[in-house]
Amino acid sequence: MPQTKPIIAIVNVVASASIDQKLDLIDITTKFPDVEYHPEQFPGAVFRLKNPKTATLLFSSGKMVCTGAKSQELAETAVSNVVKILRKGKIKIKKDAVVT
């Protein structure tokens, strides 16, 4: 019986990032009603994007975790877009996010 090689497809990239400052998650959810934040259940806020279709977890420490991207490049784009959107909403973010 001939052996076949498995087909591997990347369908979900998870990326960690940091903005190196504290975030006020309550302020973020006030300014962005679509951001989900239930601190009694989970310590992070969920910021969903439609393009690229991802969910980025925001933590008060300034750490971020982006899930759902199809590639590393899309994960980096998503994190960058989240920071841009937060800045447009008058959330003060000094540095761009560093994806690790």
PDB file of N, CA and C in Angstrom:
ATOM      1  N   MET A   1       0.841  -1.181   0.000  1.00  0.00           N
ATOM      2  CA  MET A   1       0.000   0.000   0.000  1.00  0.00           C
ATOM      3  C   MET A   1       0.888   1.248   0.000  1.00  0.00           C
ATOM      4  N   PRO A   2       0.707   2.131  -0.993  1.00  0.00           N
ATOM      5  CA  PRO A   2       1.561   3.317  -1.071  1.00  0.00           C
ATOM      6  C   PRO A   2       1.249   4.295   0.068  1.00  0.00           C
ATOM      7  N   GLN A   3       2.321   4.914   0.564  1.00  0.00           N
ATOM      8  CA  GLN A   3       2.136   5.907   1.623  1.00  0.00           C
ATOM      9  C   GLN A   3       1.853   7.266   0.998  1.00  0.00           C
ATOM     10  N   THR A   4       0.943   7.983   1.618  1.00  0.00           N
ATOM     11  CA  THR A   4       0.651   9.333   1.143  1.00  0.00           C
ATOM     12  C   THR A   4       1.081  10.330   2.206  1.00  0.00           C
ATOM     13  N   LYS A   5       1.533  11.465   1.739  1.00  0.00           N
ATOM     14  CA  LYS A   5       1.941  12.516   2.667  1.00  0.00           C
ATOM     15  C   LYS A   5       0.706  13.273   3.138  1.00  0.00           C
ATOM     16  N   PRO A   6       0.674  13.607   4.412  1.00  0.00           N
ATOM     17  CA  PRO A   6      -0.466  14.387   4.898  1.00  0.00           C
ATOM     18  C   PRO A   6      -0.433  15.803   4.322  1.00  0.00           C
ATOM     19  N   ILE A   7      -1.606  16.327   4.097  1.00  0.00           N
ATOM     20  CA  ILE A   7      -1.712  17.702   3.622  1.00  0.00           C
ATOM     21  C   ILE A   7      -1.892  18.586   4.846  1.00  0.00           C
ATOM     22  N   ILE A   8      -0.998  19.533   4.991  1.00  0.00           N
ATOM     23  CA  ILE A   8      -1.050  20.433   6.142  1.00  0.00           C
ATOM     24  C   ILE A   8      -1.469  21.813   5.662  1.00  0.00           C
ATOM     25  N   ALA A   9      -2.476  22.355   6.328  1.00  0.00           N
ATOM     26  CA  ALA A   9      -2.948  23.700   6.000  1.00  0.00           C
ATOM     27  C   ALA A   9      -3.026  24.520   7.283  1.00  0.00           C
ATOM     28  N   ILE A  10      -2.469  25.708   7.238  1.00  0.00           N
ATOM     29  CA  ILE A  10      -2.556  26.605   8.389  1.00  0.00           C
ATOM     30  C   ILE A  10      -3.905  27.296   8.333  1.00  0.00           C
ATOM     31  N   VAL A  11      -4.674  27.146   9.398  1.00  0.00           N
ATOM     32  CA  VAL A  11      -6.013  27.737   9.425  1.00  0.00           C
ATOM     33  C   VAL A  11      -6.189  28.729  10.568  1.00  0.00           C
ATOM     34  N   ASN A  12      -5.260  28.736  11.524  1.00  0.00           N
ATOM     35  CA  ASN A  12      -5.390  29.649  12.652  1.00  0.00           C
ATOM     36  C   ASN A  12      -4.013  29.976  13.201  1.00  0.00           C
ATOM     37  N   VAL A  13      -3.645  31.244  13.121  1.00  0.00           N
ATOM     38  CA  VAL A  13      -2.383  31.705  13.681  1.00  0.00           C
ATOM     39  C   VAL A  13      -2.702  32.496  14.941  1.00  0.00           C
ATOM     40  N   VAL A  14      -1.978  32.210  16.010  1.00  0.00           N
ATOM     41  CA  VAL A  14      -2.129  32.949  17.263  1.00  0.00           C
ATOM     42  C   VAL A  14      -0.853  33.752  17.470  1.00  0.00           C
ATOM     43  N   ALA A  15      -1.007  35.057  17.716  1.00  0.00           N
ATOM     44  CA  ALA A  15       0.151  35.926  17.898  1.00  0.00           C
ATOM     45  C   ALA A  15       0.019  36.706  19.199  1.00  0.00           C
ATOM     46  N   SER A  16       1.128  36.819  19.912  1.00  0.00           N
ATOM     47  CA  SER A  16       1.184  37.640  21.123  1.00  0.00           C
ATOM     48  C   SER A  16       1.783  38.986  20.756  1.00  0.00           C
ATOM     49  N   ALA A  17       1.329  40.024  21.451  1.00  0.00           N
ATOM     50  CA  ALA A  17       1.859  41.362  21.205  1.00  0.00           C
ATOM     51  C   ALA A  17       1.826  42.151  22.504  1.00  0.00           C
ATOM     52  N   SER A  18       2.563  43.252  22.516  1.00  0.00           N
ATOM     53  CA  SER A  18       2.576  44.119  23.690  1.00  0.00           C
ATOM     54  C   SER A  18       2.711  45.568  23.244  1.00  0.00           C
ATOM     55  N   ILE A  19       2.030  46.459  23.975  1.00  0.00           N
ATOM     56  CA  ILE A  19       2.186  47.894  23.703  1.00  0.00           C
ATOM     57  C   ILE A  19       2.997  48.574  24.799  1.00  0.00           C
ATOM     58  N   ASP A  20       3.485  47.787  25.763  1.00  0.00           N
ATOM     59  CA  ASP A  20       4.402  48.277  26.790  1.00  0.00           C
ATOM     60  C   ASP A  20       3.815  49.417  27.631  1.00  0.00           C
ATOM     61  N   GLN A  21       2.522  49.333  27.928  1.00  0.00           N
ATOM     62  CA  GLN A  21       1.866  50.283  28.825  1.00  0.00           C
ATOM     63  C   GLN A  21       0.565  49.662  29.313  1.00  0.00           C
ATOM     64  N   LYS A  22       0.018  50.203  30.372  1.00  0.00           N
ATOM     65  CA  LYS A  22      -1.247  49.708  30.922  1.00  0.00           C
ATOM     66  C   LYS A  22      -2.410  50.166  30.049  1.00  0.00           C
ATOM     67  N   LEU A  23      -3.472  49.366  30.004  1.00  0.00           N
ATOM     68  CA  LEU A  23      -4.697  49.718  29.285  1.00  0.00           C
ATOM     69  C   LEU A  23      -5.858  49.780  30.270  1.00  0.00           C
ATOM     70  N   ASP A  24      -6.716  50.781  30.101  1.00  0.00           N
ATOM     71  CA  ASP A  24      -7.936  50.890  30.902  1.00  0.00           C
ATOM     72  C   ASP A  24      -9.052  50.206  30.110  1.00  0.00           C
ATOM     73  N   LEU A  25      -9.314  48.957  30.431  1.00  0.00           N
ATOM     74  CA  LEU A  25     -10.286  48.175  29.663  1.00  0.00           C
ATOM     75  C   LEU A  25     -11.704  48.717  29.816  1.00  0.00           C
ATOM     76  N   ILE A  26     -12.027  49.290  30.954  1.00  0.00           N
ATOM     77  CA  ILE A  26     -13.361  49.873  31.141  1.00  0.00           C
ATOM     78  C   ILE A  26     -13.532  51.076  30.223  1.00  0.00           C
ATOM     79  N   ASP A  27     -12.507  51.919  30.117  1.00  0.00           N
ATOM     80  CA  ASP A  27     -12.551  53.068  29.206  1.00  0.00           C
ATOM     81  C   ASP A  27     -12.711  52.597  27.761  1.00  0.00           C
ATOM     82  N   ILE A  28     -11.995  51.551  27.398  1.00  0.00           N
ATOM     83  CA  ILE A  28     -12.081  51.016  26.030  1.00  0.00           C
ATOM     84  C   ILE A  28     -13.492  50.522  25.742  1.00  0.00           C
ATOM     85  N   THR A  29     -14.088  49.790  26.673  1.00  0.00           N
ATOM     86  CA  THR A  29     -15.439  49.268  26.423  1.00  0.00           C
ATOM     87  C   THR A  29     -16.481  50.378  26.428  1.00  0.00           C
ATOM     88  N   THR A  30     -16.211  51.468  27.132  1.00  0.00           N
ATOM     89  CA  THR A  30     -17.117  52.621  27.105  1.00  0.00           C
ATOM     90  C   THR A  30     -17.084  53.285  25.732  1.00  0.00           C
ATOM     91  N   LYS A  31     -15.891  53.428  25.176  1.00  0.00           N
ATOM     92  CA  LYS A  31     -15.729  54.094  23.876  1.00  0.00           C
ATOM     93  C   LYS A  31     -16.021  53.171  22.697  1.00  0.00           C
ATOM     94  N   PHE A  32     -15.928  51.877  22.918  1.00  0.00           N
ATOM     95  CA  PHE A  32     -16.167  50.891  21.860  1.00  0.00           C
ATOM     96  C   PHE A  32     -17.168  49.859  22.379  1.00  0.00           C
ATOM     97  N   PRO A  33     -18.464  50.128  22.249  1.00  0.00           N
ATOM     98  CA  PRO A  33     -19.484  49.233  22.808  1.00  0.00           C
ATOM     99  C   PRO A  33     -19.447  47.801  22.269  1.00  0.00           C
ATOM    100  N   ASP A  34     -18.875  47.589  21.087  1.00  0.00           N
ATOM    101  CA  ASP A  34     -18.806  46.233  20.526  1.00  0.00           C
ATOM    102  C   ASP A  34     -17.718  45.376  21.180  1.00  0.00           C
ATOM    103  N   VAL A  35     -16.829  46.004  21.926  1.00  0.00           N
ATOM    104  CA  VAL A  35     -15.779  45.250  22.613  1.00  0.00           C
ATOM    105  C   VAL A  35     -16.407  44.544  23.808  1.00  0.00           C
ATOM    106  N   GLU A  36     -16.167  43.244  23.896  1.00  0.00           N
ATOM    107  CA  GLU A  36     -16.743  42.438  24.978  1.00  0.00           C
ATOM    108  C   GLU A  36     -15.794  42.422  26.172  1.00  0.00           C
ATOM    109  N   TYR A  37     -16.334  42.747  27.352  1.00  0.00           N
ATOM    110  CA  TYR A  37     -15.521  42.718  28.566  1.00  0.00           C
ATOM    111  C   TYR A  37     -16.396  42.330  29.743  1.00  0.00           C
ATOM    112  N   HIS A  38     -16.110  41.179  30.312  1.00  0.00           N
ATOM    113  CA  HIS A  38     -16.826  40.659  31.479  1.00  0.00           C
ATOM    114  C   HIS A  38     -15.768  40.236  32.501  1.00  0.00           C
ATOM    115  N   PRO A  39     -15.253  41.202  33.279  1.00  0.00           N
ATOM    116  CA  PRO A  39     -14.121  40.905  34.168  1.00  0.00           C
ATOM    117  C   PRO A  39     -14.397  39.830  35.216  1.00  0.00           C
ATOM    118  N   GLU A  40     -15.661  39.603  35.526  1.00  0.00           N
ATOM    119  CA  GLU A  40     -15.974  38.554  36.500  1.00  0.00           C
ATOM    120  C   GLU A  40     -15.791  37.162  35.899  1.00  0.00           C
ATOM    121  N   GLN A  41     -15.760  37.077  34.553  1.00  0.00           N
ATOM    122  CA  GLN A  41     -15.594  35.789  33.871  1.00  0.00           C
ATOM    123  C   GLN A  41     -14.195  35.602  33.289  1.00  0.00           C
ATOM    124  N   PHE A  42     -13.607  36.708  32.787  1.00  0.00           N
ATOM    125  CA  PHE A  42     -12.317  36.630  32.101  1.00  0.00           C
ATOM    126  C   PHE A  42     -11.631  37.990  32.209  1.00  0.00           C
ATOM    127  N   PRO A  43     -10.334  38.037  32.484  1.00  0.00           N
ATOM    128  CA  PRO A  43      -9.661  39.318  32.727  1.00  0.00           C
ATOM    129  C   PRO A  43      -9.344  40.151  31.482  1.00  0.00           C
ATOM    130  N   GLY A  44      -9.679  39.653  30.301  1.00  0.00           N
ATOM    131  CA  GLY A  44      -9.374  40.379  29.075  1.00  0.00           C
ATOM    132  C   GLY A  44     -10.614  40.834  28.341  1.00  0.00           C
ATOM    133  N   ALA A  45     -10.434  41.856  27.502  1.00  0.00           N
ATOM    134  CA  ALA A  45     -11.501  42.340  26.632  1.00  0.00           C
ATOM    135  C   ALA A  45     -11.294  41.731  25.250  1.00  0.00           C
ATOM    136  N   VAL A  46     -12.383  41.466  24.547  1.00  0.00           N
ATOM    137  CA  VAL A  46     -12.312  40.850  23.215  1.00  0.00           C
ATOM    138  C   VAL A  46     -12.653  41.900  22.172  1.00  0.00           C
ATOM    139  N   PHE A  47     -11.689  42.200  21.302  1.00  0.00           N
ATOM    140  CA  PHE A  47     -11.847  43.191  20.244  1.00  0.00           C
ATOM    141  C   PHE A  47     -11.881  42.429  18.925  1.00  0.00           C
ATOM    142  N   ARG A  48     -13.042  42.384  18.288  1.00  0.00           N
ATOM    143  CA  ARG A  48     -13.197  41.619  17.042  1.00  0.00           C
ATOM    144  C   ARG A  48     -13.083  42.541  15.827  1.00  0.00           C
ATOM    145  N   LEU A  49     -12.366  42.058  14.826  1.00  0.00           N
ATOM    146  CA  LEU A  49     -12.263  42.761  13.546  1.00  0.00           C
ATOM    147  C   LEU A  49     -12.928  41.913  12.468  1.00  0.00           C
ATOM    148  N   LYS A  50     -13.493  42.600  11.477  1.00  0.00           N
ATOM    149  CA  LYS A  50     -14.075  41.885  10.337  1.00  0.00           C
ATOM    150  C   LYS A  50     -13.039  41.653   9.252  1.00  0.00           C
ATOM    151  N   ASN A  51     -12.058  42.575   9.152  1.00  0.00           N
ATOM    152  CA  ASN A  51     -11.048  42.436   8.108  1.00  0.00           C
ATOM    153  C   ASN A  51      -9.687  42.846   8.651  1.00  0.00           C
ATOM    154  N   PRO A  52      -8.758  41.946   8.857  1.00  0.00           N
ATOM    155  CA  PRO A  52      -8.919  40.504   8.742  1.00  0.00           C
ATOM    156  C   PRO A  52      -9.783  39.968   9.884  1.00  0.00           C
ATOM    157  N   LYS A  53     -10.501  38.899   9.601  1.00  0.00           N
ATOM    158  CA  LYS A  53     -11.437  38.340  10.578  1.00  0.00           C
ATOM    159  C   LYS A  53     -10.645  37.704  11.720  1.00  0.00           C
ATOM    160  N   THR A  54     -10.537  38.460  12.813  1.00  0.00           N
ATOM    161  CA  THR A  54      -9.756  38.023  13.965  1.00  0.00           C
ATOM    162  C   THR A  54     -10.433  38.482  15.251  1.00  0.00           C
ATOM    163  N   ALA A  55      -9.974  37.928  16.341  1.00  0.00           N
ATOM    164  CA  ALA A  55     -10.357  38.399  17.673  1.00  0.00           C
ATOM    165  C   ALA A  55      -9.054  38.664  18.418  1.00  0.00           C
ATOM    166  N   THR A  56      -8.939  39.858  18.972  1.00  0.00           N
ATOM    167  CA  THR A  56      -7.747  40.212  19.728  1.00  0.00           C
ATOM    168  C   THR A  56      -8.138  40.405  21.185  1.00  0.00           C
ATOM    169  N   LEU A  57      -7.485  39.662  22.046  1.00  0.00           N
ATOM    170  CA  LEU A  57      -7.710  39.800  23.481  1.00  0.00           C
ATOM    171  C   LEU A  57      -6.821  40.923  23.991  1.00  0.00           C
ATOM    172  N   LEU A  58      -7.417  41.862  24.706  1.00  0.00           N
ATOM    173  CA  LEU A  58      -6.676  42.977  25.286  1.00  0.00           C
ATOM    174  C   LEU A  58      -6.643  42.786  26.799  1.00  0.00           C
ATOM    175  N   PHE A  59      -5.471  42.930  27.385  1.00  0.00           N
ATOM    176  CA  PHE A  59      -5.335  42.800  28.829  1.00  0.00           C
ATOM    177  C   PHE A  59      -4.866  44.127  29.415  1.00  0.00           C
ATOM    178  N   SER A  60      -5.228  44.383  30.659  1.00  0.00           N
ATOM    179  CA  SER A  60      -4.891  45.662  31.286  1.00  0.00           C
ATOM    180  C   SER A  60      -3.381  45.877  31.374  1.00  0.00           C
ATOM    181  N   SER A  61      -2.608  44.830  31.319  1.00  0.00           N
ATOM    182  CA  SER A  61      -1.144  44.919  31.357  1.00  0.00           C
ATOM    183  C   SER A  61      -0.562  45.495  30.068  1.00  0.00           C
ATOM    184  N   GLY A  62      -1.389  45.590  29.018  1.00  0.00           N
ATOM    185  CA  GLY A  62      -0.900  46.033  27.716  1.00  0.00           C
ATOM    186  C   GLY A  62      -0.558  44.876  26.795  1.00  0.00           C
ATOM    187  N   LYS A  63      -0.707  43.670  27.285  1.00  0.00           N
ATOM    188  CA  LYS A  63      -0.476  42.489  26.447  1.00  0.00           C
ATOM    189  C   LYS A  63      -1.703  42.243  25.577  1.00  0.00           C
ATOM    190  N   MET A  64      -1.461  41.678  24.400  1.00  0.00           N
ATOM    191  CA  MET A  64      -2.526  41.364  23.457  1.00  0.00           C
ATOM    192  C   MET A  64      -2.282  39.965  22.897  1.00  0.00           C
ATOM    193  N   VAL A  65      -3.376  39.274  22.584  1.00  0.00           N
ATOM    194  CA  VAL A  65      -3.285  37.971  21.922  1.00  0.00           C
ATOM    195  C   VAL A  65      -4.275  37.991  20.769  1.00  0.00           C
ATOM    196  N   CYS A  66      -3.766  37.846  19.562  1.00  0.00           N
ATOM    197  CA  CYS A  66      -4.602  37.859  18.359  1.00  0.00           C
ATOM    198  C   CYS A  66      -4.813  36.421  17.893  1.00  0.00           C
ATOM    199  N   THR A  67      -6.075  36.052  17.668  1.00  0.00           N
ATOM    200  CA  THR A  67      -6.395  34.701  17.208  1.00  0.00           C
ATOM    201  C   THR A  67      -7.248  34.771  15.944  1.00  0.00           C
ATOM    202  N   GLY A  68      -7.200  33.705  15.174  1.00  0.00           N
ATOM    203  CA  GLY A  68      -8.070  33.595  14.012  1.00  0.00           C
ATOM    204  C   GLY A  68      -7.461  34.022  12.695  1.00  0.00           C
ATOM    205  N   ALA A  69      -6.259  34.569  12.716  1.00  0.00           N
ATOM    206  CA  ALA A  69      -5.622  34.991  11.469  1.00  0.00           C
ATOM    207  C   ALA A  69      -5.200  33.764  10.661  1.00  0.00           C
ATOM    208  N   LYS A  70      -5.141  33.928   9.358  1.00  0.00           N
ATOM    209  CA  LYS A  70      -4.753  32.826   8.471  1.00  0.00           C
ATOM    210  C   LYS A  70      -3.247  32.799   8.203  1.00  0.00           C
ATOM    211  N   SER A  71      -2.529  33.866   8.619  1.00  0.00           N
ATOM    212  CA  SER A  71      -1.086  33.920   8.416  1.00  0.00           C
ATOM    213  C   SER A  71      -0.474  34.864   9.447  1.00  0.00           C
ATOM    214  N   GLN A  72       0.838  34.798   9.572  1.00  0.00           N
ATOM    215  CA  GLN A  72       1.536  35.702  10.485  1.00  0.00           C
ATOM    216  C   GLN A  72       1.333  37.148  10.046  1.00  0.00           C
ATOM    217  N   GLU A  73       1.395  37.385   8.757  1.00  0.00           N
ATOM    218  CA  GLU A  73       1.217  38.739   8.227  1.00  0.00           C
ATOM    219  C   GLU A  73      -0.164  39.295   8.583  1.00  0.00           C
ATOM    220  N   LEU A  74      -1.207  38.480   8.448  1.00  0.00           N
ATOM    221  CA  LEU A  74      -2.559  38.936   8.799  1.00  0.00           C
ATOM    222  C   LEU A  74      -2.700  39.172  10.301  1.00  0.00           C
ATOM    223  N   ALA A  75      -2.023  38.377  11.111  1.00  0.00           N
ATOM    224  CA  ALA A  75      -2.055  38.589  12.562  1.00  0.00           C
ATOM    225  C   ALA A  75      -1.403  39.923  12.909  1.00  0.00           C
ATOM    226  N   GLU A  76      -0.271  40.216  12.279  1.00  0.00           N
ATOM    227  CA  GLU A  76       0.407  41.491  12.514  1.00  0.00           C
ATOM    228  C   GLU A  76      -0.454  42.658  12.047  1.00  0.00           C
ATOM    229  N   THR A  77      -1.122  42.502  10.904  1.00  0.00           N
ATOM    230  CA  THR A  77      -2.029  43.539  10.397  1.00  0.00           C
ATOM    231  C   THR A  77      -3.178  43.764  11.366  1.00  0.00           C
ATOM    232  N   ALA A  78      -3.746  42.692  11.885  1.00  0.00           N
ATOM    233  CA  ALA A  78      -4.872  42.802  12.814  1.00  0.00           C
ATOM    234  C   ALA A  78      -4.465  43.553  14.076  1.00  0.00           C
ATOM    235  N   VAL A  79      -3.325  43.211  14.651  1.00  0.00           N
ATOM    236  CA  VAL A  79      -2.858  43.891  15.864  1.00  0.00           C
ATOM    237  C   VAL A  79      -2.623  45.371  15.575  1.00  0.00           C
ATOM    238  N   SER A  80      -2.001  45.661  14.446  1.00  0.00           N
ATOM    239  CA  SER A  80      -1.766  47.052  14.053  1.00  0.00           C
ATOM    240  C   SER A  80      -3.081  47.805  13.883  1.00  0.00           C
ATOM    241  N   ASN A  81      -4.069  47.165  13.264  1.00  0.00           N
ATOM    242  CA  ASN A  81      -5.379  47.800  13.066  1.00  0.00           C
ATOM    243  C   ASN A  81      -6.080  48.067  14.392  1.00  0.00           C
ATOM    244  N   VAL A  82      -5.986  47.147  15.327  1.00  0.00           N
ATOM    245  CA  VAL A  82      -6.603  47.347  16.642  1.00  0.00           C
ATOM    246  C   VAL A  82      -5.997  48.578  17.312  1.00  0.00           C
ATOM    247  N   VAL A  83      -4.676  48.701  17.269  1.00  0.00           N
ATOM    248  CA  VAL A  83      -4.010  49.862  17.873  1.00  0.00           C
ATOM    249  C   VAL A  83      -4.461  51.151  17.189  1.00  0.00           C
ATOM    250  N   LYS A  84      -4.541  51.147  15.853  1.00  0.00           N
ATOM    251  CA  LYS A  84      -4.994  52.339  15.116  1.00  0.00           C
ATOM    252  C   LYS A  84      -6.418  52.724  15.509  1.00  0.00           C
ATOM    253  N   ILE A  85      -7.298  51.739  15.608  1.00  0.00           N
ATOM    254  CA  ILE A  85      -8.699  52.003  15.968  1.00  0.00           C
ATOM    255  C   ILE A  85      -8.784  52.553  17.389  1.00  0.00           C
ATOM    256  N   LEU A  86      -8.018  51.979  18.305  1.00  0.00           N
ATOM    257  CA  LEU A  86      -8.010  52.484  19.679  1.00  0.00           C
ATOM    258  C   LEU A  86      -7.538  53.935  19.719  1.00  0.00           C
ATOM    259  N   ARG A  87      -6.496  54.240  18.964  1.00  0.00           N
ATOM    260  CA  ARG A  87      -5.995  55.623  18.922  1.00  0.00           C
ATOM    261  C   ARG A  87      -7.041  56.576  18.357  1.00  0.00           C
ATOM    262  N   LYS A  88      -7.744  56.157  17.305  1.00  0.00           N
ATOM    263  CA  LYS A  88      -8.804  57.004  16.741  1.00  0.00           C
ATOM    264  C   LYS A  88      -9.912  57.255  17.751  1.00  0.00           C
ATOM    265  N   GLY A  89     -10.109  56.320  18.671  1.00  0.00           N
ATOM    266  CA  GLY A  89     -11.111  56.460  19.723  1.00  0.00           C
ATOM    267  C   GLY A  89     -10.588  57.199  20.941  1.00  0.00           C
ATOM    268  N   LYS A  90      -9.448  57.866  20.785  1.00  0.00           N
ATOM    269  CA  LYS A  90      -8.841  58.680  21.849  1.00  0.00           C
ATOM    270  C   LYS A  90      -8.293  57.859  23.018  1.00  0.00           C
ATOM    271  N   ILE A  91      -7.930  56.609  22.750  1.00  0.00           N
ATOM    272  CA  ILE A  91      -7.212  55.817  23.745  1.00  0.00           C
ATOM    273  C   ILE A  91      -5.730  56.114  23.514  1.00  0.00           C
ATOM    274  N   LYS A  92      -5.065  56.627  24.524  1.00  0.00           N
ATOM    275  CA  LYS A  92      -3.665  57.032  24.367  1.00  0.00           C
ATOM    276  C   LYS A  92      -2.751  55.809  24.395  1.00  0.00           C
ATOM    277  N   ILE A  93      -2.142  55.561  23.250  1.00  0.00           N
ATOM    278  CA  ILE A  93      -1.176  54.470  23.123  1.00  0.00           C
ATOM    279  C   ILE A  93       0.098  55.089  22.563  1.00  0.00           C
ATOM    280  N   LYS A  94       1.158  55.043  23.357  1.00  0.00           N
ATOM    281  CA  LYS A  94       2.400  55.730  23.003  1.00  0.00           C
ATOM    282  C   LYS A  94       3.177  55.029  21.895  1.00  0.00           C
ATOM    283  N   LYS A  95       3.313  53.709  22.023  1.00  0.00           N
ATOM    284  CA  LYS A  95       4.135  52.951  21.076  1.00  0.00           C
ATOM    285  C   LYS A  95       3.270  52.017  20.248  1.00  0.00           C
ATOM    286  N   ASP A  96       3.765  51.671  19.066  1.00  0.00           N
ATOM    287  CA  ASP A  96       3.097  50.648  18.267  1.00  0.00           C
ATOM    288  C   ASP A  96       3.287  49.291  18.949  1.00  0.00           C
ATOM    289  N   ALA A  97       2.358  48.401  18.698  1.00  0.00           N
ATOM    290  CA  ALA A  97       2.438  47.063  19.287  1.00  0.00           C
ATOM    291  C   ALA A  97       3.601  46.288  18.682  1.00  0.00           C
ATOM    292  N   VAL A  98       4.268  45.532  19.519  1.00  0.00           N
ATOM    293  CA  VAL A  98       5.347  44.655  19.073  1.00  0.00           C
ATOM    294  C   VAL A  98       4.813  43.230  19.123  1.00  0.00           C
ATOM    295  N   VAL A  99       4.737  42.590  17.954  1.00  0.00           N
ATOM    296  CA  VAL A  99       4.242  41.216  17.862  1.00  0.00           C
ATOM    297  C   VAL A  99       5.407  40.271  18.116  1.00  0.00           C
ATOM    298  N   THR A 100       5.163  39.301  18.995  1.00  0.00           N
ATOM    299  CA  THR A 100       6.235  38.347  19.320  1.00  0.00           C
ATOM    300  C   THR A 100       5.815  36.934  18.963  1.00  0.00           C
TER     301      THR A 100
END
